[in-house]
Protein backbone atom coordinates (compact mmCIF):
# COMPACT_ATOMS: atom_id res chain seq x y z
CA UNK A 1 -26.09 -34.77 -55.57
CA UNK A 2 -26.55 -38.31 -54.29
CA UNK A 3 -26.92 -39.19 -50.66
CA UNK A 4 -23.94 -40.77 -48.95
CA UNK A 5 -23.71 -42.93 -45.86
CA UNK A 6 -23.65 -40.24 -43.18
CA UNK A 7 -20.26 -38.87 -44.29
CA UNK A 8 -21.23 -35.59 -42.75
CA UNK A 9 -17.88 -33.84 -42.74
CA UNK A 10 -17.27 -34.55 -46.42
CA UNK A 11 -20.80 -33.49 -47.31
CA UNK A 12 -20.44 -30.27 -45.33
CA UNK A 13 -17.25 -29.33 -47.17
CA UNK A 14 -19.02 -29.91 -50.49
CA UNK A 15 -22.07 -27.90 -49.42
CA UNK A 16 -20.02 -24.94 -48.24
CA UNK A 17 -18.28 -24.87 -51.61
CA UNK A 18 -21.58 -24.49 -53.52
CA UNK A 19 -21.98 -20.75 -54.19
CA UNK A 20 -25.73 -20.80 -54.87
CA UNK A 21 -26.73 -23.05 -51.98
CA UNK A 22 -26.41 -20.35 -49.33
CA UNK A 23 -28.48 -18.00 -51.49
CA UNK A 24 -31.27 -20.57 -51.86
CA UNK A 25 -31.26 -21.44 -48.15
CA UNK A 26 -31.21 -17.81 -46.98
CA UNK A 27 -34.12 -16.87 -49.24
CA UNK A 28 -36.40 -19.62 -48.00
CA UNK A 29 -35.50 -20.08 -44.34
CA UNK A 30 -35.58 -16.34 -43.70
CA UNK A 31 -39.03 -16.09 -45.28
CA UNK A 32 -40.36 -19.08 -43.32
CA UNK A 33 -39.01 -17.83 -40.00
CA UNK A 34 -40.51 -14.38 -40.54
CA UNK A 35 -43.90 -15.73 -41.56
CA UNK A 36 -44.01 -18.19 -38.68
CA UNK A 37 -43.23 -15.49 -36.13
CA UNK A 38 -46.05 -13.27 -37.43
CA UNK A 39 -48.69 -15.99 -37.51
CA UNK A 40 -47.77 -17.29 -34.04
CA UNK A 41 -47.95 -13.77 -32.62
CA UNK A 42 -51.46 -13.51 -34.07
CA UNK A 43 -52.53 -16.79 -32.41
CA UNK A 44 -52.96 -16.07 -28.68
CA UNK A 45 -53.97 -19.67 -27.97
CA UNK A 46 -50.68 -21.02 -29.36
CA UNK A 47 -49.09 -21.98 -26.02
CA UNK A 48 -52.27 -23.77 -24.91
CA UNK A 49 -52.63 -25.52 -28.28
CA UNK A 50 -49.02 -26.65 -28.10
CA UNK A 51 -49.50 -28.05 -24.62
CA UNK A 52 -52.69 -29.82 -25.70
CA UNK A 53 -50.98 -31.31 -28.75
CA UNK A 54 -48.19 -32.71 -26.61
CA UNK A 55 -50.71 -34.30 -24.23
CA UNK A 56 -52.68 -35.83 -27.11
CA UNK A 57 -49.53 -37.32 -28.62
CA UNK A 58 -48.30 -38.67 -25.30
CA UNK A 59 -51.69 -40.23 -24.57
CA UNK A 60 -51.87 -41.79 -28.03
CA UNK A 61 -48.37 -43.24 -27.72
CA UNK A 62 -49.25 -44.66 -24.28
CA UNK A 63 -52.17 -46.52 -25.89
CA UNK A 64 -50.86 -46.90 -29.44
CA UNK A 65 -51.74 -50.60 -29.72
CA UNK A 66 -55.37 -49.87 -28.86
CA UNK A 67 -55.68 -47.04 -31.38
CA UNK A 68 -53.96 -49.00 -34.13
CA UNK A 69 -56.41 -51.86 -33.71
CA UNK A 70 -59.32 -49.41 -33.64
CA UNK A 71 -58.08 -47.72 -36.80
CA UNK A 72 -57.65 -51.03 -38.61
CA UNK A 73 -61.16 -52.16 -37.67
CA UNK A 74 -62.77 -48.91 -38.82
CA UNK A 75 -60.68 -48.59 -41.99
CA UNK A 76 -61.69 -52.11 -43.02
CA UNK A 77 -65.31 -51.29 -42.26
CA UNK A 78 -64.93 -48.34 -44.66
CA UNK A 79 -63.76 -50.71 -47.39
CA UNK A 80 -60.00 -50.20 -47.17
CA UNK A 81 -57.41 -52.97 -47.08
CA UNK A 82 -54.90 -52.55 -44.23
CA UNK A 83 -51.36 -53.93 -44.44
CA UNK A 84 -48.69 -54.06 -41.73
CA UNK A 85 -45.01 -53.51 -42.53
CA UNK A 86 -42.41 -54.04 -39.84
CA UNK A 87 -39.51 -52.92 -42.04
CA UNK A 88 -38.93 -50.80 -45.16
CA UNK A 89 -38.33 -54.03 -47.07
CA UNK A 90 -41.78 -55.31 -46.03
CA UNK A 91 -43.39 -52.05 -47.12
CA UNK A 92 -41.67 -52.09 -50.51
CA UNK A 93 -42.77 -55.67 -51.08
CA UNK A 94 -46.40 -54.84 -50.25
CA UNK A 95 -46.39 -51.87 -52.66
CA UNK A 96 -44.70 -53.91 -55.41
CA UNK A 97 -47.20 -56.75 -55.02
CA UNK A 98 -50.18 -54.38 -55.26
CA UNK A 99 -48.76 -52.77 -58.40
CA UNK A 100 -48.16 -56.15 -60.04
CA UNK A 101 -51.63 -57.38 -59.09
CA UNK A 102 -53.12 -54.31 -60.80
CA UNK A 103 -50.79 -54.67 -63.81
CA UNK A 104 -49.84 -51.04 -63.26
CA UNK A 105 -47.48 -49.26 -65.63
CA UNK A 106 -47.58 -45.71 -64.22
CA UNK A 107 -48.06 -44.30 -60.73
CA UNK A 108 -48.56 -40.72 -59.57
CA UNK A 109 -47.22 -39.91 -56.12
CA UNK A 110 -47.85 -37.21 -53.51
CA UNK A 111 -44.82 -36.06 -51.51
CA UNK A 112 -44.27 -38.19 -48.43
CA UNK A 113 -41.12 -38.49 -46.33
CA UNK A 114 -42.31 -41.92 -45.23
CA UNK A 115 -42.16 -42.90 -48.89
CA UNK A 116 -38.55 -41.71 -48.99
CA UNK A 117 -37.85 -43.58 -45.76
CA UNK A 118 -39.04 -46.93 -47.11
CA UNK A 119 -37.62 -46.43 -50.63
CA UNK A 120 -40.88 -46.19 -52.55
CA UNK A 121 -39.01 -45.35 -55.76
CA UNK A 122 -37.23 -48.70 -55.54
CA UNK A 123 -40.51 -50.53 -54.94
CA UNK A 124 -42.06 -49.03 -58.06
CA UNK A 125 -38.94 -49.72 -60.10
CA UNK A 126 -38.97 -53.35 -58.95
CA UNK A 127 -42.59 -53.63 -60.14
CA UNK A 128 -41.78 -52.03 -63.51
CA UNK A 129 -43.87 -48.94 -62.76
CA UNK A 130 -43.03 -45.44 -63.99
CA UNK A 131 -43.08 -42.99 -61.06
CA UNK A 132 -44.49 -39.49 -61.53
CA UNK A 133 -43.89 -37.05 -58.67
CA UNK A 134 -46.78 -34.57 -58.57
CA UNK A 135 -45.70 -32.15 -55.84
CA UNK A 136 -44.00 -29.20 -57.56
CA UNK A 137 -40.83 -29.42 -55.46
CA UNK A 138 -40.67 -33.21 -55.83
CA UNK A 139 -41.17 -32.81 -59.59
CA UNK A 140 -38.18 -30.46 -59.61
CA UNK A 141 -35.87 -32.82 -57.75
CA UNK A 142 -37.05 -35.82 -59.78
CA UNK A 143 -36.02 -33.99 -62.95
CA UNK A 144 -32.71 -33.03 -61.31
CA UNK A 145 -32.20 -36.57 -59.94
CA UNK A 146 -31.73 -35.13 -56.43
CA UNK A 147 -32.98 -36.43 -53.08
CA UNK A 148 -35.14 -34.10 -50.97
CA UNK A 149 -33.23 -31.54 -48.90
CA UNK A 150 -36.12 -30.55 -46.61
CA UNK A 151 -39.13 -32.46 -45.35
CA UNK A 152 -41.66 -29.78 -46.32
CA UNK A 153 -39.86 -28.00 -49.17
CA UNK A 154 -37.80 -30.75 -50.82
CA UNK A 155 -36.24 -28.43 -53.41
CA UNK A 156 -35.12 -25.76 -50.93
CA UNK A 157 -31.57 -26.13 -52.21
CA UNK A 158 -32.58 -24.87 -55.67
CA UNK A 159 -32.93 -21.23 -56.68
CA UNK A 160 -35.76 -20.36 -59.05
CA UNK A 161 -33.10 -19.48 -61.64
CA UNK A 162 -31.79 -23.05 -61.45
CA UNK A 163 -35.34 -24.39 -61.75
CA UNK A 164 -35.94 -22.28 -64.85
CA UNK A 165 -32.84 -23.75 -66.47
CA UNK A 166 -33.92 -27.28 -65.49
CA UNK A 167 -37.44 -26.87 -66.91
CA UNK A 168 -36.02 -25.46 -70.14
CA UNK A 169 -34.01 -28.66 -70.52
CA UNK A 170 -36.63 -31.20 -69.39
CA UNK A 171 -40.14 -29.86 -70.13
CA UNK A 172 -41.84 -30.32 -73.48
CA UNK A 173 -43.31 -26.81 -73.32
CA UNK A 174 -41.30 -24.70 -70.84
CA UNK A 175 -42.57 -21.37 -72.20
CA UNK A 176 -40.57 -18.21 -72.75
CA UNK A 177 -40.79 -16.61 -69.28
CA UNK A 178 -38.67 -17.58 -66.26
CA UNK A 179 -40.55 -15.89 -63.42
CA UNK A 180 -42.04 -18.13 -60.72
CA UNK A 181 -45.71 -18.07 -61.92
CA UNK A 182 -44.55 -19.05 -65.42
CA UNK A 183 -42.51 -21.93 -64.00
CA UNK A 184 -45.58 -23.17 -62.12
CA UNK A 185 -47.63 -23.04 -65.33
CA UNK A 186 -44.93 -25.01 -67.13
CA UNK A 187 -45.09 -27.75 -64.47
CA UNK A 188 -48.88 -27.77 -64.67
CA UNK A 189 -48.79 -28.34 -68.44
CA UNK A 190 -46.27 -31.14 -67.97
CA UNK A 191 -48.07 -32.97 -65.16
CA UNK A 192 -51.79 -32.57 -65.85
CA UNK A 193 -52.08 -35.38 -68.47
CA UNK A 194 -50.14 -37.74 -66.18
CA UNK A 195 -52.61 -37.19 -63.33
CA UNK A 196 -55.47 -38.38 -65.52
CA UNK A 197 -53.75 -41.40 -67.05
CA UNK A 198 -52.05 -43.02 -64.05
CA UNK A 199 -52.85 -46.63 -63.17
CA UNK A 200 -52.09 -46.28 -59.46
CA UNK A 201 -51.69 -43.39 -57.05
CA UNK A 202 -49.57 -43.28 -53.89
CA UNK A 203 -49.59 -40.86 -50.98
CA UNK A 204 -48.62 -40.55 -47.38
CA UNK A 205 -50.85 -39.21 -44.64
CA UNK A 206 -50.42 -36.36 -42.20
CA UNK A 207 -52.72 -38.01 -39.67
CA UNK A 208 -54.65 -41.24 -39.10
CA UNK A 209 -57.94 -40.96 -37.20
CA UNK A 210 -58.64 -44.02 -35.08
CA UNK A 211 -62.35 -43.71 -34.41
CA UNK A 212 -63.30 -43.23 -38.08
CA UNK A 213 -60.58 -45.20 -39.90
CA UNK A 214 -59.82 -42.05 -41.95
CA UNK A 215 -56.55 -40.56 -43.13
CA UNK A 216 -55.79 -36.88 -43.71
CA UNK A 217 -53.64 -35.08 -46.27
CA UNK A 218 -52.66 -31.43 -45.86
CA UNK A 219 -51.26 -29.68 -48.94
CA UNK A 220 -51.12 -26.33 -50.72
CA UNK A 221 -51.08 -27.32 -54.38
CA UNK A 222 -54.12 -29.57 -54.83
CA UNK A 223 -51.93 -32.31 -56.25
CA UNK A 224 -52.99 -34.71 -53.49
CA UNK A 225 -56.62 -34.60 -54.59
CA UNK A 226 -55.66 -34.89 -58.27
CA UNK A 227 -53.40 -37.81 -57.44
CA UNK A 228 -55.72 -39.83 -55.22
CA UNK A 229 -58.94 -39.41 -57.23
CA UNK A 230 -58.57 -40.55 -60.89
CA UNK A 231 -56.73 -43.93 -60.61
CA UNK A 232 -58.69 -47.06 -59.71
CA UNK A 233 -56.23 -48.01 -56.97
CA UNK A 234 -54.71 -45.81 -54.28
CA UNK A 235 -51.95 -46.80 -51.83
CA UNK A 236 -51.24 -44.93 -48.58
CA UNK A 237 -47.91 -45.51 -46.83
CA UNK A 238 -47.81 -44.04 -43.33
CA UNK A 239 -45.91 -44.39 -40.06
CA UNK A 240 -47.81 -45.80 -37.11
CA UNK A 241 -47.02 -42.71 -35.00
CA UNK A 242 -49.31 -40.55 -37.16
CA UNK A 243 -52.31 -41.83 -35.20
CA UNK A 244 -54.70 -39.56 -33.28
CA UNK A 245 -57.80 -40.75 -31.43
CA UNK A 246 -60.51 -38.67 -33.14
CA UNK A 247 -61.38 -35.81 -35.47
CA UNK A 248 -61.43 -33.25 -32.65
CA UNK A 249 -57.88 -34.26 -31.74
CA UNK A 250 -56.76 -33.97 -35.35
CA UNK A 251 -58.13 -30.42 -35.43
CA UNK A 252 -55.60 -29.36 -32.78
CA UNK A 253 -52.71 -30.47 -34.97
CA UNK A 254 -54.16 -28.99 -38.14
CA UNK A 255 -54.16 -25.56 -36.47
CA UNK A 256 -50.51 -26.00 -35.48
CA UNK A 257 -49.03 -27.71 -38.54
CA UNK A 258 -49.42 -25.03 -41.18
CA UNK A 259 -48.39 -22.28 -38.77
CA UNK A 260 -45.18 -24.12 -37.87
CA UNK A 261 -44.39 -25.37 -41.38
CA UNK A 262 -45.05 -22.44 -43.70
CA UNK A 263 -46.32 -19.59 -41.52
CA UNK A 264 -49.99 -19.63 -42.54
CA UNK A 265 -53.13 -20.14 -40.48
CA UNK A 266 -54.23 -23.08 -42.62
CA UNK A 267 -53.21 -24.75 -45.86
CA UNK A 268 -55.16 -24.54 -49.10
CA UNK A 269 -56.29 -28.18 -48.99
CA UNK A 270 -57.10 -30.31 -45.95
CA UNK A 271 -58.77 -33.52 -47.09
CA UNK A 272 -60.22 -36.40 -45.05
CA UNK A 273 -60.41 -39.75 -46.85
CA UNK A 274 -62.93 -42.27 -45.55
CA UNK A 275 -62.41 -45.32 -47.72
CA UNK A 276 -62.64 -46.19 -51.42
CA UNK A 277 -65.34 -45.12 -53.84
CA UNK A 278 -68.84 -46.10 -52.77
CA UNK A 279 -72.06 -46.60 -54.76
CA UNK A 280 -73.26 -43.17 -55.78
CA UNK A 281 -69.85 -41.49 -55.50
CA UNK A 282 -68.85 -39.60 -58.63
CA UNK A 283 -65.13 -40.24 -58.27
CA UNK A 284 -62.47 -41.80 -56.09
CA UNK A 285 -60.38 -44.99 -56.14
CA UNK A 286 -62.15 -48.32 -56.29
CA UNK A 287 -59.41 -49.95 -54.22
CA UNK A 288 -57.73 -48.37 -51.19
CA UNK A 289 -54.68 -49.93 -49.53
CA UNK A 290 -53.24 -48.51 -46.29
CA UNK A 291 -49.72 -49.67 -45.40
CA UNK A 292 -48.89 -49.06 -41.73
CA UNK A 293 -45.10 -48.90 -41.29
CA UNK A 294 -43.17 -49.52 -38.07
CA UNK A 295 -39.43 -49.35 -38.91
CA UNK A 296 -38.17 -49.14 -35.31
CA UNK A 297 -40.99 -46.90 -34.10
CA UNK A 298 -42.10 -49.60 -31.66
CA UNK A 299 -38.54 -49.76 -30.34
CA UNK A 300 -38.60 -46.01 -29.73
CA UNK A 301 -41.73 -46.33 -27.55
CA UNK A 302 -39.65 -47.84 -24.73
CA UNK A 303 -36.55 -45.74 -25.38
CA UNK A 304 -35.36 -42.28 -24.30
CA UNK A 305 -36.09 -41.15 -27.88
CA UNK A 306 -39.83 -41.75 -27.40
CA UNK A 307 -40.71 -37.98 -27.57
CA UNK A 308 -39.47 -37.99 -31.17
CA UNK A 309 -42.63 -39.95 -32.05
CA UNK A 310 -44.63 -36.78 -31.35
CA UNK A 311 -43.13 -35.21 -34.49
CA UNK A 312 -45.69 -33.98 -37.04
CA UNK A 313 -43.06 -33.33 -39.75
CA UNK A 314 -43.50 -29.54 -39.90
CA UNK A 315 -39.83 -28.74 -40.57
CA UNK A 316 -39.75 -25.77 -38.17
CA UNK A 317 -36.67 -27.12 -36.42
CA UNK A 318 -34.77 -27.05 -39.73
CA UNK A 319 -35.93 -23.56 -40.63
CA UNK A 320 -34.49 -22.23 -37.36
CA UNK A 321 -31.32 -24.34 -37.21
CA UNK A 322 -28.07 -22.44 -37.91
CA UNK A 323 -26.32 -25.64 -39.00
CA UNK A 324 -29.04 -26.51 -41.51
CA UNK A 325 -29.06 -22.90 -42.75
CA UNK A 326 -25.34 -23.13 -43.46
CA UNK A 327 -25.12 -26.52 -45.19
CA UNK A 328 -28.64 -27.55 -46.26
CA UNK A 329 -30.30 -30.93 -46.04
CA UNK A 330 -28.13 -33.04 -48.33
CA UNK A 331 -25.13 -32.66 -46.03
CA UNK A 332 -26.83 -34.92 -43.47
CA UNK A 333 -26.66 -37.84 -45.90
CA UNK A 334 -29.98 -39.21 -44.65
CA UNK A 335 -33.69 -39.13 -45.46
CA UNK A 336 -34.46 -36.83 -42.54
CA UNK A 337 -32.16 -33.79 -42.22
CA UNK A 338 -31.86 -31.08 -39.60
CA UNK A 339 -32.31 -31.46 -35.83
CA UNK A 340 -35.19 -33.94 -36.06
CA UNK A 341 -33.19 -36.06 -38.51
CA UNK A 342 -30.16 -36.02 -36.24
CA UNK A 343 -32.33 -37.79 -33.66
CA UNK A 344 -34.54 -39.90 -35.91
CA UNK A 345 -31.79 -41.31 -38.14
CA UNK A 346 -29.79 -42.89 -35.28
CA UNK A 347 -33.04 -44.37 -33.96
CA UNK A 348 -33.79 -46.00 -37.31
CA UNK A 349 -30.35 -46.93 -38.62
CA UNK A 350 -28.20 -47.16 -35.50
CA UNK A 351 -25.96 -44.66 -33.74
CA UNK A 352 -22.71 -46.10 -35.08
CA UNK A 353 -23.69 -45.56 -38.69
CA UNK A 354 -24.88 -41.99 -38.10
CA UNK A 355 -22.42 -40.88 -35.45
CA UNK A 356 -21.75 -37.46 -37.01
CA UNK A 357 -25.37 -36.34 -36.91
CA UNK A 358 -25.87 -35.78 -33.14
CA UNK A 359 -22.80 -33.53 -33.30
CA UNK A 360 -24.25 -31.42 -36.13
CA UNK A 361 -25.81 -29.09 -33.58
CA UNK A 362 -24.78 -26.03 -31.57
CA UNK A 363 -27.29 -26.88 -28.81
CA UNK A 364 -28.71 -23.37 -29.03
CA UNK A 365 -32.20 -24.71 -28.27
CA UNK A 366 -34.12 -22.92 -31.03
CA UNK A 367 -35.44 -26.22 -32.40
CA UNK A 368 -37.21 -27.00 -29.13
CA UNK A 369 -38.55 -23.46 -28.83
CA UNK A 370 -40.30 -23.60 -32.21
CA UNK A 371 -41.42 -27.24 -32.13
CA UNK A 372 -45.26 -27.28 -32.07
CA UNK A 373 -45.29 -30.47 -29.98
CA UNK A 374 -42.44 -29.47 -27.64
CA UNK A 375 -39.94 -32.21 -28.52
CA UNK A 376 -36.79 -31.82 -26.36
CA UNK A 377 -34.42 -32.17 -29.31
CA UNK A 378 -31.34 -30.63 -27.60
CA UNK A 379 -31.71 -32.99 -24.63
CA UNK A 380 -31.94 -36.03 -26.89
CA UNK A 381 -28.95 -34.91 -28.96
CA UNK A 382 -26.91 -34.51 -25.76
CA UNK A 383 -27.99 -37.99 -24.67
CA UNK A 384 -26.91 -39.45 -28.02
CA UNK A 385 -23.53 -37.74 -27.68
CA UNK A 386 -23.15 -39.19 -24.18
CA UNK A 387 -23.93 -42.66 -25.49
CA UNK A 388 -21.33 -42.20 -28.21
CA UNK A 389 -18.73 -41.25 -25.62
CA UNK A 390 -19.62 -44.14 -23.32
CA UNK A 391 -19.52 -46.63 -26.23
CA UNK A 392 -16.12 -45.48 -27.46
CA UNK A 393 -17.43 -44.10 -30.76
CA UNK A 394 -15.63 -40.75 -30.50
CA UNK A 395 -12.13 -40.25 -31.86
CA UNK A 396 -9.14 -40.09 -29.50
CA UNK A 397 -8.75 -36.41 -30.41
CA UNK A 398 -12.34 -35.67 -29.42
CA UNK A 399 -12.01 -37.68 -26.21
CA UNK A 400 -8.90 -35.79 -25.12
CA UNK A 401 -10.50 -32.48 -26.09
CA UNK A 402 -13.46 -33.22 -23.85
CA UNK A 403 -11.17 -34.19 -20.98
CA UNK A 404 -9.24 -30.94 -21.40
CA UNK A 405 -12.48 -28.98 -21.40
CA UNK A 406 -13.66 -30.81 -18.27
CA UNK A 407 -10.39 -29.97 -16.54
CA UNK A 408 -10.83 -26.26 -17.33
CA UNK A 409 -14.57 -26.13 -16.61
CA UNK A 410 -14.16 -27.67 -13.15
CA UNK A 411 -11.42 -25.22 -12.15
CA UNK A 412 -13.00 -21.73 -12.18
CA UNK A 413 -9.81 -19.75 -11.64
CA UNK A 414 -8.00 -21.58 -14.44
CA UNK A 415 -11.06 -21.27 -16.70
CA UNK A 416 -11.38 -17.50 -16.18
CA UNK A 417 -7.64 -17.03 -16.77
CA UNK A 418 -7.79 -19.09 -19.98
CA UNK A 419 -10.81 -17.26 -21.39
CA UNK A 420 -9.22 -13.89 -20.60
CA UNK A 421 -6.05 -14.86 -22.48
CA UNK A 422 -8.09 -16.24 -25.40
CA UNK A 423 -10.13 -13.03 -25.57
CA UNK A 424 -7.00 -10.90 -25.78
CA UNK A 425 -5.43 -13.16 -28.43
CA UNK A 426 -8.54 -13.04 -30.60
CA UNK A 427 -8.66 -9.26 -30.38
CA UNK A 428 -5.03 -9.17 -31.52
CA UNK A 429 -5.86 -11.45 -34.45
CA UNK A 430 -8.74 -9.15 -35.44
CA UNK A 431 -6.25 -6.25 -35.82
CA UNK A 432 -8.99 -3.69 -35.44
CA UNK A 433 -10.86 -4.88 -38.54
CA UNK A 434 -13.85 -6.20 -36.61
CA UNK A 435 -13.34 -9.74 -37.93
CA UNK A 436 -10.91 -12.65 -37.72
CA UNK A 437 -9.97 -14.45 -40.94
CA UNK A 438 -7.68 -17.11 -39.46
CA UNK A 439 -7.06 -18.69 -36.05
CA UNK A 440 -4.05 -20.94 -35.36
CA UNK A 441 -5.05 -24.58 -34.76
CA UNK A 442 -8.71 -23.75 -35.49
CA UNK A 443 -8.83 -23.61 -39.29
CA UNK A 444 -12.20 -25.33 -39.38
CA UNK A 445 -13.82 -22.28 -37.81
CA UNK A 446 -12.47 -19.81 -40.36
CA UNK A 447 -12.11 -21.84 -43.54
CA UNK A 448 -15.43 -20.66 -44.98
CA UNK A 449 -16.32 -17.68 -42.78
CA UNK A 450 -14.85 -14.87 -40.67
CA UNK A 451 -15.28 -14.83 -36.92
CA UNK A 452 -16.47 -11.57 -35.32
CA UNK A 453 -14.06 -9.67 -33.13
CA UNK A 454 -14.83 -10.42 -29.46
CA UNK A 455 -16.02 -7.79 -27.05
CA UNK A 456 -13.58 -5.98 -24.76
CA UNK A 457 -13.46 -8.58 -22.03
CA UNK A 458 -15.15 -11.91 -21.30
CA UNK A 459 -18.78 -12.17 -20.29
CA UNK A 460 -17.90 -12.44 -16.60
CA UNK A 461 -15.55 -9.44 -16.79
CA UNK A 462 -18.28 -7.30 -18.37
CA UNK A 463 -20.85 -8.59 -15.88
CA UNK A 464 -18.69 -7.59 -12.92
CA UNK A 465 -18.22 -4.09 -14.39
CA UNK A 466 -21.98 -3.60 -14.65
CA UNK A 467 -22.51 -4.82 -11.08
CA UNK A 468 -20.20 -2.13 -9.68
């Protein structure tokens, strides 16, 4: 399924009509939520680490210019070449030029949402370079010609049965078994020769360390190390907000990232890269290029969306979001899905072009509760909605609905009478079955699901009974 231009309502209808999507989402998000809860419970310092991480990020953003200059100086001293890209177009041009200068024909790539953001596939295509995705999930969606649906698990929308069918069609040696370990072995057989024969490798970075000029990758498959090591030239594309002052500061985030993302204490591979191959080194790239990308991040520094720059791309907000769990990532029609994407996309592409996304939220607050750097996502989504209303971006129907709600909400007696009547009507519609299959004038609520029968009385009515 191809991405569309933020046509959220149409994408949602299509997602809800896919019978296997809900199965795939339930399997993975339920597992990730359960694992995260267990590993956080076993980490008594979590609250303190979270507070520390927020302070480190806020300090770094306050002095981002200083740390960027320090990083550039130290990275160059390590032998790397540092490039600055204000826009995705600038970043693509830099990558294309490097590929052409190296006469590259093939490039292996480690999963990076920044790469998706700048359109790295287009840059390689423009340079005539064959792109090989080496992350297992990215390999799956490359074969399926799908965009990522999750920032940590890009193939979350696929069941392993669908992957087995895909590998049987696309792999040279898919094998006879269709269990998950056999599928992994099939991908390994397919990708291993391409690791060793690539002309150029490309990755993102989880963190940049200012005082050493290093970058960090955190993975579970080992494909990052296999990607970055054999080719003579390696390119890193990374957002400027990934900066931290020092190694000890990076350690705080490393302890939080894997717990929030996949529910483990640490990932299998955490690698610090300190420049290209030196005399005496047995392996590593001879040329290292680091492309620092802005793409409206500097604008966000002085904006109410500034806390979004704390984000460490763990995906926890998506795993706990009921909207994401119902429709998946493709419905958002943007590179970044879920709650964080509903904030980040308007910041990068404009609110008018992504006006549906801030409304793709129930404001239940779970995203903020699980965010390892305490980003106030619900507050920012409310602020974006307010800006839409003030700018006249909402439909007349929505505007009148909000005015009607305001009229009821500011008149307690009328509000309590209306909710009491609505409660009785819904109980009549349930007809003693415990569920409601259709509601007049509210078909959108019941088109793809049943509503539960309400309790006997409104919240306030039940509260008053208990107080007696």
